[in-house]
Amino acid sequence: MEKLIIENRSNLKMEDAINYAKQVITQGRISENHKGKQYCFCTWFQESDIVVYADMNKKSDKLIICSERKVPMK
């Protein structure tokens, strides 16, 4: 049994946030650390300035969707 938690910390509607989560899931488990293989630690969608952070523990995966404000480069 798999469990996925999606935490929407952005100003997106949940149905839009789920679409970003789906894109990360579709990429597969491409990051690895001492916990094992997991979804990409950090995926930035440049066109919309949305970032999806991934974490996992023994019982579940967690995707956190955030709106990142643009910071001008100097």
C-alpha atoms as a PDB file:
ATOM      1  CA  MET A   1       0.000   0.000   0.000  1.00  0.00           C
ATOM      2  CA  GLU A   2       1.301   3.429  -0.948  1.00  0.00           C
ATOM      3  CA  LYS A   3       0.420   6.752   0.669  1.00  0.00           C
ATOM      4  CA  LEU A   4       0.960  10.192  -0.867  1.00  0.00           C
ATOM      5  CA  ILE A   5       0.436  13.469   0.974  1.00  0.00           C
ATOM      6  CA  ILE A   6       0.041  16.625  -1.114  1.00  0.00           C
ATOM      7  CA  GLU A   7       0.414  19.863   0.818  1.00  0.00           C
ATOM      8  CA  ASN A   8      -0.650  22.948  -1.115  1.00  0.00           C
ATOM      9  CA  ARG A   9       1.219  25.969   0.277  1.00  0.00           C
ATOM     10  CA  SER A  10       0.624  27.994  -2.879  1.00  0.00           C
ATOM     11  CA  ASN A  11      -2.208  30.201  -4.027  1.00  0.00           C
ATOM     12  CA  LEU A  12      -3.234  27.563  -6.577  1.00  0.00           C
ATOM     13  CA  LYS A  13      -6.544  25.750  -6.504  1.00  0.00           C
ATOM     14  CA  MET A  14      -6.062  22.168  -5.348  1.00  0.00           C
ATOM     15  CA  GLU A  15      -6.887  20.741  -8.783  1.00  0.00           C
ATOM     16  CA  ASP A  16      -4.067  22.836 -10.282  1.00  0.00           C
ATOM     17  CA  ALA A  17      -1.655  21.861  -7.505  1.00  0.00           C
ATOM     18  CA  ILE A  18      -2.416  18.190  -8.176  1.00  0.00           C
ATOM     19  CA  ASN A  19      -1.397  18.663 -11.811  1.00  0.00           C
ATOM     20  CA  TYR A  20       2.072  19.800 -10.679  1.00  0.00           C
ATOM     21  CA  ALA A  21       2.285  16.860  -8.278  1.00  0.00           C
ATOM     22  CA  LYS A  22       1.343  14.516 -11.120  1.00  0.00           C
ATOM     23  CA  GLN A  23       4.198  15.831 -13.267  1.00  0.00           C
ATOM     24  CA  VAL A  24       6.683  15.094 -10.476  1.00  0.00           C
ATOM     25  CA  ILE A  25       5.248  11.608  -9.954  1.00  0.00           C
ATOM     26  CA  THR A  26       5.418  10.911 -13.686  1.00  0.00           C
ATOM     27  CA  GLN A  27       9.185  11.581 -13.633  1.00  0.00           C
ATOM     28  CA  GLY A  28       9.512   8.709 -11.179  1.00  0.00           C
ATOM     29  CA  ARG A  29      11.814   8.258  -8.223  1.00  0.00           C
ATOM     30  CA  ILE A  30      14.924   9.980  -9.540  1.00  0.00           C
ATOM     31  CA  SER A  31      16.534  11.306  -6.333  1.00  0.00           C
ATOM     32  CA  GLU A  32      18.323   9.165  -3.798  1.00  0.00           C
ATOM     33  CA  ASN A  33      19.653   9.617  -0.266  1.00  0.00           C
ATOM     34  CA  HIS A  34      20.017   7.533   2.897  1.00  0.00           C
ATOM     35  CA  LYS A  35      16.234   6.964   2.872  1.00  0.00           C
ATOM     36  CA  GLY A  36      16.384   5.369  -0.576  1.00  0.00           C
ATOM     37  CA  LYS A  37      14.950   6.397  -3.949  1.00  0.00           C
ATOM     38  CA  GLN A  38      12.302   9.090  -3.915  1.00  0.00           C
ATOM     39  CA  TYR A  39      10.629  11.686  -6.096  1.00  0.00           C
ATOM     40  CA  CYS A  40      12.811  14.620  -7.173  1.00  0.00           C
ATOM     41  CA  PHE A  41      13.821  16.604  -4.082  1.00  0.00           C
ATOM     42  CA  CYS A  42      12.984  19.928  -5.732  1.00  0.00           C
ATOM     43  CA  THR A  43      11.268  20.550  -9.072  1.00  0.00           C
ATOM     44  CA  TRP A  44      10.955  24.131 -10.319  1.00  0.00           C
ATOM     45  CA  PHE A  45       8.370  24.977 -12.948  1.00  0.00           C
ATOM     46  CA  GLN A  46       9.934  28.140 -14.305  1.00  0.00           C
ATOM     47  CA  GLU A  47       7.015  29.297 -16.459  1.00  0.00           C
ATOM     48  CA  SER A  48       4.659  29.479 -13.467  1.00  0.00           C
ATOM     49  CA  ASP A  49       7.259  29.940 -10.710  1.00  0.00           C
ATOM     50  CA  ILE A  50       5.888  26.920  -8.840  1.00  0.00           C
ATOM     51  CA  VAL A  51       8.226  24.661  -6.868  1.00  0.00           C
ATOM     52  CA  VAL A  52       7.425  21.138  -5.713  1.00  0.00           C
ATOM     53  CA  TYR A  53       9.487  19.762  -2.835  1.00  0.00           C
ATOM     54  CA  ALA A  54       9.475  16.030  -2.104  1.00  0.00           C
ATOM     55  CA  ASP A  55      10.143  14.113   1.078  1.00  0.00           C
ATOM     56  CA  MET A  56       9.470  10.589   2.246  1.00  0.00           C
ATOM     57  CA  ASN A  57       9.426   8.520   5.397  1.00  0.00           C
ATOM     58  CA  LYS A  58       8.742   4.861   6.097  1.00  0.00           C
ATOM     59  CA  LYS A  59       4.984   5.227   5.656  1.00  0.00           C
ATOM     60  CA  SER A  60       4.453   7.863   2.967  1.00  0.00           C
ATOM     61  CA  ASP A  61       5.694  10.260   0.334  1.00  0.00           C
ATOM     62  CA  LYS A  62       4.987  13.965   0.709  1.00  0.00           C
ATOM     63  CA  LEU A  63       4.886  16.604  -2.029  1.00  0.00           C
ATOM     64  CA  ILE A  64       4.773  20.265  -1.024  1.00  0.00           C
ATOM     65  CA  ILE A  65       3.641  22.724  -3.700  1.00  0.00           C
ATOM     66  CA  CYS A  66       4.832  26.323  -3.201  1.00  0.00           C
ATOM     67  CA  SER A  67       4.607  29.597  -5.081  1.00  0.00           C
ATOM     68  CA  GLU A  68       8.044  31.155  -5.251  1.00  0.00           C
ATOM     69  CA  ARG A  69       8.287  34.871  -5.728  1.00  0.00           C
ATOM     70  CA  LYS A  70      10.709  36.056  -8.335  1.00  0.00           C
ATOM     71  CA  VAL A  71      13.817  37.760  -7.010  1.00  0.00           C
ATOM     72  CA  PRO A  72      15.618  39.988  -9.501  1.00  0.00           C
ATOM     73  CA  MET A  73      19.219  38.996 -10.110  1.00  0.00           C
ATOM     74  CA  LYS A  74      21.861  41.671  -9.603  1.00  0.00           C
END
